[in-house]
Structures are given as C-alpha cells and as structure tokens.
Amino acid sequence: MIASFRNEHLQQLWEAGKPLPYKTAIATDVLRLLDLIDAAVDPYDVAFYGMRFDQWGDNGSTRYGVLLTEHWLISFAWDGEDACGIDLERIE
C-alpha cells in the first residue's frame, strides 16, 4: 500500500487525478505503476519481467525504482508493509 509521497505532483495525480505539470506523456504509465505499488506486499512485487526494476542503498536506507522511460524513474522506499517516499525523478 502507498503510505507517502516525496513528489507533490505525483501525490496529486494519485489522489485527485490532477495532471502532471511536466511535458510528458507518461501519466498513464505512472498511474499503472502506482496501482502496482499500491497492491504490492513486498517491493519485489513490482519487479515484473520486462520492467527495469532496481534497488540501491544510501546512508543505510534502501530505495527501489522502476525506469518508465529513458528519462523518467519512479523510486520508493519500503517500511516493512508499505511503500513510502514515492518520487518521480527525471534522469538526464
């Protein structure tokens, strides 16, 4: 289940269907991935074949991510039961 967001625009898309302010056509893919994250009971539940899933650590914390396109990544942490700190990041 989704517990929290880092990205305000992503939260507004999820909670109210408000469009992303970015000039991108990935909103449908973002919502599909958020649905998967919300239904997950483990972070690896979103690591489907063909999805570019990764895990990394910094300062003792682990984050997970799914690359949507070559320029957009959704990342999140896992607190044991829920996804938290969900963010939409632009990759240059």
PDB file of N, CA and C in Angstrom:
ATOM      1  N   MET A   1       0.841  -1.176   0.000  1.00  0.00           N
ATOM      2  CA  MET A   1       0.000   0.000   0.000  1.00  0.00           C
ATOM      3  C   MET A   1       0.892   1.247   0.000  1.00  0.00           C
ATOM      4  N   ILE A   2       0.404   2.292  -0.595  1.00  0.00           N
ATOM      5  CA  ILE A   2       1.161   3.544  -0.634  1.00  0.00           C
ATOM      6  C   ILE A   2       0.916   4.316   0.656  1.00  0.00           C
ATOM      7  N   ALA A   3       2.007   4.633   1.358  1.00  0.00           N
ATOM      8  CA  ALA A   3       1.903   5.365   2.619  1.00  0.00           C
ATOM      9  C   ALA A   3       2.201   6.851   2.454  1.00  0.00           C
ATOM     10  N   SER A   4       3.163   7.194   1.579  1.00  0.00           N
ATOM     11  CA  SER A   4       3.523   8.607   1.438  1.00  0.00           C
ATOM     12  C   SER A   4       4.235   8.871   0.119  1.00  0.00           C
ATOM     13  N   PHE A   5       4.266  10.144  -0.230  1.00  0.00           N
ATOM     14  CA  PHE A   5       4.924  10.603  -1.450  1.00  0.00           C
ATOM     15  C   PHE A   5       5.987  11.628  -1.101  1.00  0.00           C
ATOM     16  N   ARG A   6       7.031  11.686  -1.900  1.00  0.00           N
ATOM     17  CA  ARG A   6       8.012  12.774  -1.846  1.00  0.00           C
ATOM     18  C   ARG A   6       7.610  13.875  -2.820  1.00  0.00           C
ATOM     19  N   ASN A   7       7.041  13.461  -3.944  1.00  0.00           N
ATOM     20  CA  ASN A   7       6.721  14.367  -5.040  1.00  0.00           C
ATOM     21  C   ASN A   7       5.264  14.808  -4.926  1.00  0.00           C
ATOM     22  N   GLU A   8       5.053  16.093  -4.715  1.00  0.00           N
ATOM     23  CA  GLU A   8       3.718  16.660  -4.540  1.00  0.00           C
ATOM     24  C   GLU A   8       2.842  16.453  -5.776  1.00  0.00           C
ATOM     25  N   HIS A   9       3.412  16.619  -6.961  1.00  0.00           N
ATOM     26  CA  HIS A   9       2.639  16.457  -8.193  1.00  0.00           C
ATOM     27  C   HIS A   9       2.207  15.009  -8.397  1.00  0.00           C
ATOM     28  N   LEU A  10       3.065  14.087  -8.032  1.00  0.00           N
ATOM     29  CA  LEU A  10       2.742  12.674  -8.124  1.00  0.00           C
ATOM     30  C   LEU A  10       1.607  12.326  -7.160  1.00  0.00           C
ATOM     31  N   GLN A  11       1.655  12.889  -5.977  1.00  0.00           N
ATOM     32  CA  GLN A  11       0.599  12.665  -4.987  1.00  0.00           C
ATOM     33  C   GLN A  11      -0.737  13.214  -5.487  1.00  0.00           C
ATOM     34  N   GLN A  12      -0.717  14.388  -6.094  1.00  0.00           N
ATOM     35  CA  GLN A  12      -1.947  14.984  -6.610  1.00  0.00           C
ATOM     36  C   GLN A  12      -2.515  14.177  -7.779  1.00  0.00           C
ATOM     37  N   LEU A  13      -1.655  13.615  -8.608  1.00  0.00           N
ATOM     38  CA  LEU A  13      -2.100  12.738  -9.688  1.00  0.00           C
ATOM     39  C   LEU A  13      -2.781  11.512  -9.104  1.00  0.00           C
ATOM     40  N   TRP A  14      -2.166  10.901  -8.096  1.00  0.00           N
ATOM     41  CA  TRP A  14      -2.687   9.675  -7.484  1.00  0.00           C
ATOM     42  C   TRP A  14      -3.991   9.929  -6.738  1.00  0.00           C
ATOM     43  N   GLU A  15      -4.035  10.993  -5.947  1.00  0.00           N
ATOM     44  CA  GLU A  15      -5.197  11.228  -5.084  1.00  0.00           C
ATOM     45  C   GLU A  15      -6.359  11.935  -5.782  1.00  0.00           C
ATOM     46  N   ALA A  16      -6.064  12.828  -6.720  1.00  0.00           N
ATOM     47  CA  ALA A  16      -7.125  13.642  -7.306  1.00  0.00           C
ATOM     48  C   ALA A  16      -7.176  13.586  -8.832  1.00  0.00           C
ATOM     49  N   GLY A  17      -6.274  12.843  -9.446  1.00  0.00           N
ATOM     50  CA  GLY A  17      -6.260  12.765 -10.896  1.00  0.00           C
ATOM     51  C   GLY A  17      -5.782  14.035 -11.578  1.00  0.00           C
ATOM     52  N   LYS A  18      -5.122  14.902 -10.796  1.00  0.00           N
ATOM     53  CA  LYS A  18      -4.614  16.154 -11.357  1.00  0.00           C
ATOM     54  C   LYS A  18      -3.449  15.856 -12.294  1.00  0.00           C
ATOM     55  N   PRO A  19      -3.472  16.416 -13.514  1.00  0.00           N
ATOM     56  CA  PRO A  19      -2.400  16.128 -14.475  1.00  0.00           C
ATOM     57  C   PRO A  19      -1.021  16.555 -13.972  1.00  0.00           C
ATOM     58  N   LEU A  20      -0.021  15.836 -14.411  1.00  0.00           N
ATOM     59  CA  LEU A  20       1.358  16.206 -14.093  1.00  0.00           C
ATOM     60  C   LEU A  20       1.710  17.490 -14.819  1.00  0.00           C
ATOM     61  N   PRO A  21       2.464  18.392 -14.202  1.00  0.00           N
ATOM     62  CA  PRO A  21       2.810  19.653 -14.854  1.00  0.00           C
ATOM     63  C   PRO A  21       3.938  19.514 -15.878  1.00  0.00           C
ATOM     64  N   TYR A  22       4.521  18.343 -15.949  1.00  0.00           N
ATOM     65  CA  TYR A  22       5.639  18.126 -16.852  1.00  0.00           C
ATOM     66  C   TYR A  22       5.126  17.883 -18.263  1.00  0.00           C
ATOM     67  N   LYS A  23       5.914  18.242 -19.236  1.00  0.00           N
ATOM     68  CA  LYS A  23       5.547  17.971 -20.626  1.00  0.00           C
ATOM     69  C   LYS A  23       5.954  16.547 -20.960  1.00  0.00           C
ATOM     70  N   THR A  24       5.116  15.621 -20.557  1.00  0.00           N
ATOM     71  CA  THR A  24       5.410  14.214 -20.782  1.00  0.00           C
ATOM     72  C   THR A  24       4.113  13.445 -20.996  1.00  0.00           C
ATOM     73  N   ALA A  25       4.207  12.366 -21.703  1.00  0.00           N
ATOM     74  CA  ALA A  25       3.036  11.541 -21.987  1.00  0.00           C
ATOM     75  C   ALA A  25       3.063  10.264 -21.158  1.00  0.00           C
ATOM     76  N   ILE A  26       3.644  10.310 -19.978  1.00  0.00           N
ATOM     77  CA  ILE A  26       3.801   9.090 -19.183  1.00  0.00           C
ATOM     78  C   ILE A  26       2.766   8.946 -18.069  1.00  0.00           C
ATOM     79  N   ALA A  27       1.786   9.840 -17.982  1.00  0.00           N
ATOM     80  CA  ALA A  27       0.830   9.807 -16.875  1.00  0.00           C
ATOM     81  C   ALA A  27       0.126   8.457 -16.768  1.00  0.00           C
ATOM     82  N   THR A  28      -0.250   7.860 -17.879  1.00  0.00           N
ATOM     83  CA  THR A  28      -0.905   6.554 -17.856  1.00  0.00           C
ATOM     84  C   THR A  28       0.022   5.491 -17.289  1.00  0.00           C
ATOM     85  N   ASP A  29       1.280   5.515 -17.706  1.00  0.00           N
ATOM     86  CA  ASP A  29       2.266   4.558 -17.189  1.00  0.00           C
ATOM     87  C   ASP A  29       2.526   4.788 -15.702  1.00  0.00           C
ATOM     88  N   VAL A  30       2.559   6.045 -15.291  1.00  0.00           N
ATOM     89  CA  VAL A  30       2.766   6.369 -13.880  1.00  0.00           C
ATOM     90  C   VAL A  30       1.614   5.814 -13.047  1.00  0.00           C
ATOM     91  N   LEU A  31       0.391   6.049 -13.476  1.00  0.00           N
ATOM     92  CA  LEU A  31      -0.764   5.539 -12.726  1.00  0.00           C
ATOM     93  C   LEU A  31      -0.785   4.019 -12.682  1.00  0.00           C
ATOM     94  N   ARG A  32      -0.414   3.377 -13.760  1.00  0.00           N
ATOM     95  CA  ARG A  32      -0.359   1.911 -13.796  1.00  0.00           C
ATOM     96  C   ARG A  32       0.668   1.398 -12.782  1.00  0.00           C
ATOM     97  N   LEU A  33       1.824   2.041 -12.737  1.00  0.00           N
ATOM     98  CA  LEU A  33       2.857   1.627 -11.793  1.00  0.00           C
ATOM     99  C   LEU A  33       2.448   1.930 -10.350  1.00  0.00           C
ATOM    100  N   LEU A  34       1.806   3.059 -10.116  1.00  0.00           N
ATOM    101  CA  LEU A  34       1.321   3.364  -8.766  1.00  0.00           C
ATOM    102  C   LEU A  34       0.286   2.337  -8.312  1.00  0.00           C
ATOM    103  N   ASP A  35      -0.563   1.870  -9.220  1.00  0.00           N
ATOM    104  CA  ASP A  35      -1.510   0.802  -8.882  1.00  0.00           C
ATOM    105  C   ASP A  35      -0.771  -0.461  -8.455  1.00  0.00           C
ATOM    106  N   LEU A  36       0.302  -0.810  -9.183  1.00  0.00           N
ATOM    107  CA  LEU A  36       1.096  -1.997  -8.825  1.00  0.00           C
ATOM    108  C   LEU A  36       1.748  -1.830  -7.457  1.00  0.00           C
ATOM    109  N   ILE A  37       2.307  -0.647  -7.214  1.00  0.00           N
ATOM    110  CA  ILE A  37       2.957  -0.384  -5.925  1.00  0.00           C
ATOM    111  C   ILE A  37       1.930  -0.431  -4.799  1.00  0.00           C
ATOM    112  N   ASP A  38       0.753   0.130  -5.032  1.00  0.00           N
ATOM    113  CA  ASP A  38      -0.294   0.145  -4.014  1.00  0.00           C
ATOM    114  C   ASP A  38      -0.763  -1.265  -3.656  1.00  0.00           C
ATOM    115  N   ALA A  39      -0.774  -2.166  -4.626  1.00  0.00           N
ATOM    116  CA  ALA A  39      -1.216  -3.542  -4.391  1.00  0.00           C
ATOM    117  C   ALA A  39      -0.109  -4.445  -3.852  1.00  0.00           C
ATOM    118  N   ALA A  40       1.128  -3.986  -3.906  1.00  0.00           N
ATOM    119  CA  ALA A  40       2.271  -4.819  -3.518  1.00  0.00           C
ATOM    120  C   ALA A  40       2.312  -5.074  -2.007  1.00  0.00           C
ATOM    121  N   VAL A  41       2.759  -6.267  -1.653  1.00  0.00           N
ATOM    122  CA  VAL A  41       3.007  -6.589  -0.248  1.00  0.00           C
ATOM    123  C   VAL A  41       4.506  -6.678   0.023  1.00  0.00           C
ATOM    124  N   ASP A  42       5.287  -6.530  -1.048  1.00  0.00           N
ATOM    125  CA  ASP A  42       6.740  -6.596  -0.985  1.00  0.00           C
ATOM    126  C   ASP A  42       7.254  -5.738  -2.138  1.00  0.00           C
ATOM    127  N   PRO A  43       8.375  -5.035  -1.970  1.00  0.00           N
ATOM    128  CA  PRO A  43       8.848  -4.178  -3.062  1.00  0.00           C
ATOM    129  C   PRO A  43       9.142  -4.940  -4.353  1.00  0.00           C
ATOM    130  N   TYR A  44       9.473  -6.212  -4.239  1.00  0.00           N
ATOM    131  CA  TYR A  44       9.792  -7.007  -5.422  1.00  0.00           C
ATOM    132  C   TYR A  44       8.539  -7.423  -6.200  1.00  0.00           C
ATOM    133  N   ASP A  45       7.363  -7.136  -5.663  1.00  0.00           N
ATOM    134  CA  ASP A  45       6.119  -7.422  -6.379  1.00  0.00           C
ATOM    135  C   ASP A  45       5.979  -6.568  -7.638  1.00  0.00           C
ATOM    136  N   VAL A  46       6.721  -5.485  -7.732  1.00  0.00           N
ATOM    137  CA  VAL A  46       6.659  -4.641  -8.931  1.00  0.00           C
ATOM    138  C   VAL A  46       7.798  -4.952  -9.902  1.00  0.00           C
ATOM    139  N   ALA A  47       8.582  -5.957  -9.608  1.00  0.00           N
ATOM    140  CA  ALA A  47       9.727  -6.322 -10.455  1.00  0.00           C
ATOM    141  C   ALA A  47       9.315  -7.363 -11.492  1.00  0.00           C
ATOM    142  N   PHE A  48       8.362  -7.003 -12.336  1.00  0.00           N
ATOM    143  CA  PHE A  48       7.896  -7.909 -13.371  1.00  0.00           C
ATOM    144  C   PHE A  48       8.925  -8.030 -14.485  1.00  0.00           C
ATOM    145  N   TYR A  49       8.908  -9.147 -15.167  1.00  0.00           N
ATOM    146  CA  TYR A  49       9.791  -9.354 -16.309  1.00  0.00           C
ATOM    147  C   TYR A  49       9.531  -8.248 -17.334  1.00  0.00           C
ATOM    148  N   GLY A  50      10.589  -7.653 -17.816  1.00  0.00           N
ATOM    149  CA  GLY A  50      10.465  -6.590 -18.799  1.00  0.00           C
ATOM    150  C   GLY A  50      10.464  -5.196 -18.196  1.00  0.00           C
ATOM    151  N   MET A  51      10.175  -5.094 -16.893  1.00  0.00           N
ATOM    152  CA  MET A  51      10.235  -3.796 -16.226  1.00  0.00           C
ATOM    153  C   MET A  51      11.659  -3.590 -15.736  1.00  0.00           C
ATOM    154  N   ARG A  52      12.143  -2.401 -15.844  1.00  0.00           N
ATOM    155  CA  ARG A  52      13.521  -2.105 -15.426  1.00  0.00           C
ATOM    156  C   ARG A  52      13.517  -1.704 -13.959  1.00  0.00           C
ATOM    157  N   PHE A  53      13.551  -2.723 -13.102  1.00  0.00           N
ATOM    158  CA  PHE A  53      13.497  -2.571 -11.646  1.00  0.00           C
ATOM    159  C   PHE A  53      14.919  -2.586 -11.091  1.00  0.00           C
ATOM    160  N   ASP A  54      15.168  -1.738 -10.099  1.00  0.00           N
ATOM    161  CA  ASP A  54      16.499  -1.709  -9.491  1.00  0.00           C
ATOM    162  C   ASP A  54      16.363  -1.388  -8.012  1.00  0.00           C
ATOM    163  N   GLN A  55      17.413  -1.666  -7.282  1.00  0.00           N
ATOM    164  CA  GLN A  55      17.486  -1.402  -5.849  1.00  0.00           C
ATOM    165  C   GLN A  55      18.846  -0.792  -5.567  1.00  0.00           C
ATOM    166  N   TRP A  56      18.883   0.202  -4.689  1.00  0.00           N
ATOM    167  CA  TRP A  56      20.146   0.810  -4.307  1.00  0.00           C
ATOM    168  C   TRP A  56      20.038   1.296  -2.870  1.00  0.00           C
ATOM    169  N   GLY A  57      21.180   1.519  -2.265  1.00  0.00           N
ATOM    170  CA  GLY A  57      21.203   1.972  -0.879  1.00  0.00           C
ATOM    171  C   GLY A  57      22.047   3.214  -0.725  1.00  0.00           C
ATOM    172  N   ASP A  58      21.639   4.056   0.201  1.00  0.00           N
ATOM    173  CA  ASP A  58      22.429   5.233   0.540  1.00  0.00           C
ATOM    174  C   ASP A  58      22.202   5.563   2.015  1.00  0.00           C
ATOM    175  N   ASN A  59      23.270   5.771   2.750  1.00  0.00           N
ATOM    176  CA  ASN A  59      23.206   6.096   4.175  1.00  0.00           C
ATOM    177  C   ASN A  59      22.392   5.087   4.979  1.00  0.00           C
ATOM    178  N   GLY A  60      22.515   3.821   4.630  1.00  0.00           N
ATOM    179  CA  GLY A  60      21.839   2.777   5.387  1.00  0.00           C
ATOM    180  C   GLY A  60      20.391   2.551   5.010  1.00  0.00           C
ATOM    181  N   SER A  61      19.860   3.316   4.070  1.00  0.00           N
ATOM    182  CA  SER A  61      18.479   3.103   3.653  1.00  0.00           C
ATOM    183  C   SER A  61      18.452   2.553   2.230  1.00  0.00           C
ATOM    184  N   THR A  62      17.441   1.786   1.940  1.00  0.00           N
ATOM    185  CA  THR A  62      17.308   1.177   0.625  1.00  0.00           C
ATOM    186  C   THR A  62      16.154   1.819  -0.115  1.00  0.00           C
ATOM    187  N   ARG A  63      16.381   2.111  -1.399  1.00  0.00           N
ATOM    188  CA  ARG A  63      15.319   2.602  -2.276  1.00  0.00           C
ATOM    189  C   ARG A  63      15.219   1.657  -3.462  1.00  0.00           C
ATOM    190  N   TYR A  64      14.045   1.635  -4.027  1.00  0.00           N
ATOM    191  CA  TYR A  64      13.754   0.801  -5.180  1.00  0.00           C
ATOM    192  C   TYR A  64      13.276   1.722  -6.294  1.00  0.00           C
ATOM    193  N   GLY A  65      13.430   1.286  -7.520  1.00  0.00           N
ATOM    194  CA  GLY A  65      12.998   2.124  -8.615  1.00  0.00           C
ATOM    195  C   GLY A  65      12.620   1.326  -9.842  1.00  0.00           C
ATOM    196  N   VAL A  66      11.727   1.933 -10.612  1.00  0.00           N
ATOM    197  CA  VAL A  66      11.324   1.362 -11.894  1.00  0.00           C
ATOM    198  C   VAL A  66      11.489   2.458 -12.932  1.00  0.00           C
ATOM    199  N   LEU A  67      12.269   2.165 -13.945  1.00  0.00           N
ATOM    200  CA  LEU A  67      12.501   3.099 -15.033  1.00  0.00           C
ATOM    201  C   LEU A  67      11.306   3.030 -15.982  1.00  0.00           C
ATOM    202  N   LEU A  68      10.604   4.150 -16.127  1.00  0.00           N
ATOM    203  CA  LEU A  68       9.445   4.202 -17.017  1.00  0.00           C
ATOM    204  C   LEU A  68       9.863   4.415 -18.464  1.00  0.00           C
ATOM    205  N   THR A  69      10.778   5.351 -18.649  1.00  0.00           N
ATOM    206  CA  THR A  69      11.348   5.636 -19.965  1.00  0.00           C
ATOM    207  C   THR A  69      12.832   5.887 -19.730  1.00  0.00           C
ATOM    208  N   GLU A  70      13.548   6.244 -20.758  1.00  0.00           N
ATOM    209  CA  GLU A  70      14.965   6.530 -20.561  1.00  0.00           C
ATOM    210  C   GLU A  70      15.185   7.797 -19.738  1.00  0.00           C
ATOM    211  N   HIS A  71      14.130   8.598 -19.539  1.00  0.00           N
ATOM    212  CA  HIS A  71      14.275   9.860 -18.807  1.00  0.00           C
ATOM    213  C   HIS A  71      13.466   9.952 -17.521  1.00  0.00           C
ATOM    214  N   TRP A  72      12.602   8.992 -17.225  1.00  0.00           N
ATOM    215  CA  TRP A  72      11.734   9.071 -16.049  1.00  0.00           C
ATOM    216  C   TRP A  72      11.804   7.798 -15.221  1.00  0.00           C
ATOM    217  N   LEU A  73      11.926   7.980 -13.908  1.00  0.00           N
ATOM    218  CA  LEU A  73      12.050   6.886 -12.948  1.00  0.00           C
ATOM    219  C   LEU A  73      11.096   7.141 -11.790  1.00  0.00           C
ATOM    220  N   ILE A  74      10.416   6.104 -11.352  1.00  0.00           N
ATOM    221  CA  ILE A  74       9.652   6.182 -10.103  1.00  0.00           C
ATOM    222  C   ILE A  74      10.464   5.431  -9.063  1.00  0.00           C
ATOM    223  N   SER A  75      10.764   6.112  -7.964  1.00  0.00           N
ATOM    224  CA  SER A  75      11.523   5.486  -6.881  1.00  0.00           C
ATOM    225  C   SER A  75      10.693   5.502  -5.606  1.00  0.00           C
ATOM    226  N   PHE A  76      11.023   4.570  -4.701  1.00  0.00           N
ATOM    227  CA  PHE A  76      10.287   4.487  -3.435  1.00  0.00           C
ATOM    228  C   PHE A  76      11.113   3.724  -2.414  1.00  0.00           C
ATOM    229  N   ALA A  77      10.764   3.922  -1.165  1.00  0.00           N
ATOM    230  CA  ALA A  77      11.339   3.150  -0.063  1.00  0.00           C
ATOM    231  C   ALA A  77      10.261   2.176   0.404  1.00  0.00           C
ATOM    232  N   TRP A  78      10.637   1.274   1.284  1.00  0.00           N
ATOM    233  CA  TRP A  78       9.688   0.288   1.804  1.00  0.00           C
ATOM    234  C   TRP A  78       9.856   0.234   3.310  1.00  0.00           C
ATOM    235  N   ASP A  79       8.756   0.418   4.043  1.00  0.00           N
ATOM    236  CA  ASP A  79       8.848   0.470   5.504  1.00  0.00           C
ATOM    237  C   ASP A  79       8.457  -0.839   6.191  1.00  0.00           C
ATOM    238  N   GLY A  80       8.404  -1.914   5.455  1.00  0.00           N
ATOM    239  CA  GLY A  80       8.038  -3.209   6.023  1.00  0.00           C
ATOM    240  C   GLY A  80       6.701  -3.682   5.506  1.00  0.00           C
ATOM    241  N   GLU A  81       5.736  -2.777   5.393  1.00  0.00           N
ATOM    242  CA  GLU A  81       4.417  -3.126   4.884  1.00  0.00           C
ATOM    243  C   GLU A  81       3.964  -2.231   3.739  1.00  0.00           C
ATOM    244  N   ASP A  82       4.487  -1.020   3.685  1.00  0.00           N
ATOM    245  CA  ASP A  82       4.003  -0.030   2.730  1.00  0.00           C
ATOM    246  C   ASP A  82       5.134   0.642   1.970  1.00  0.00           C
ATOM    247  N   ALA A  83       4.792   1.129   0.786  1.00  0.00           N
ATOM    248  CA  ALA A  83       5.720   1.954   0.013  1.00  0.00           C
ATOM    249  C   ALA A  83       5.643   3.374   0.558  1.00  0.00           C
ATOM    250  N   CYS A  84       6.776   4.004   0.707  1.00  0.00           N
ATOM    251  CA  CYS A  84       6.793   5.371   1.228  1.00  0.00           C
ATOM    252  C   CYS A  84       7.828   6.199   0.459  1.00  0.00           C
ATOM    253  N   GLY A  85       7.642   7.502   0.524  1.00  0.00           N
ATOM    254  CA  GLY A  85       8.577   8.385  -0.137  1.00  0.00           C
ATOM    255  C   GLY A  85       8.606   8.194  -1.642  1.00  0.00           C
ATOM    256  N   ILE A  86       7.452   7.965  -2.246  1.00  0.00           N
ATOM    257  CA  ILE A  86       7.403   7.713  -3.692  1.00  0.00           C
ATOM    258  C   ILE A  86       7.720   9.006  -4.431  1.00  0.00           C
ATOM    259  N   ASP A  87       8.608   8.888  -5.413  1.00  0.00           N
ATOM    260  CA  ASP A  87       9.083  10.067  -6.126  1.00  0.00           C
ATOM    261  C   ASP A  87       9.117   9.787  -7.626  1.00  0.00           C
ATOM    262  N   LEU A  88       8.900  10.827  -8.403  1.00  0.00           N
ATOM    263  CA  LEU A  88       9.066  10.777  -9.853  1.00  0.00           C
ATOM    264  C   LEU A  88      10.278  11.601 -10.185  1.00  0.00           C
ATOM    265  N   GLU A  89      11.284  10.956 -10.749  1.00  0.00           N
ATOM    266  CA  GLU A  89      12.551  11.619 -10.994  1.00  0.00           C
ATOM    267  C   GLU A  89      12.872  11.674 -12.480  1.00  0.00           C
ATOM    268  N   ARG A  90      13.360  12.819 -12.895  1.00  0.00           N
ATOM    269  CA  ARG A  90      13.824  12.997 -14.282  1.00  0.00           C
ATOM    270  C   ARG A  90      15.293  12.640 -14.322  1.00  0.00           C
ATOM    271  N   ILE A  91      15.656  11.787 -15.245  1.00  0.00           N
ATOM    272  CA  ILE A  91      17.048  11.353 -15.407  1.00  0.00           C
ATOM    273  C   ILE A  91      17.611  12.029 -16.639  1.00  0.00           C
ATOM    274  N   GLU A  92      18.715  12.693 -16.460  1.00  0.00           N
ATOM    275  CA  GLU A  92      19.346  13.399 -17.586  1.00  0.00           C
ATOM    276  C   GLU A  92      20.349  12.491 -18.271  1.00  0.00           C
TER     277      GLU A  92
END
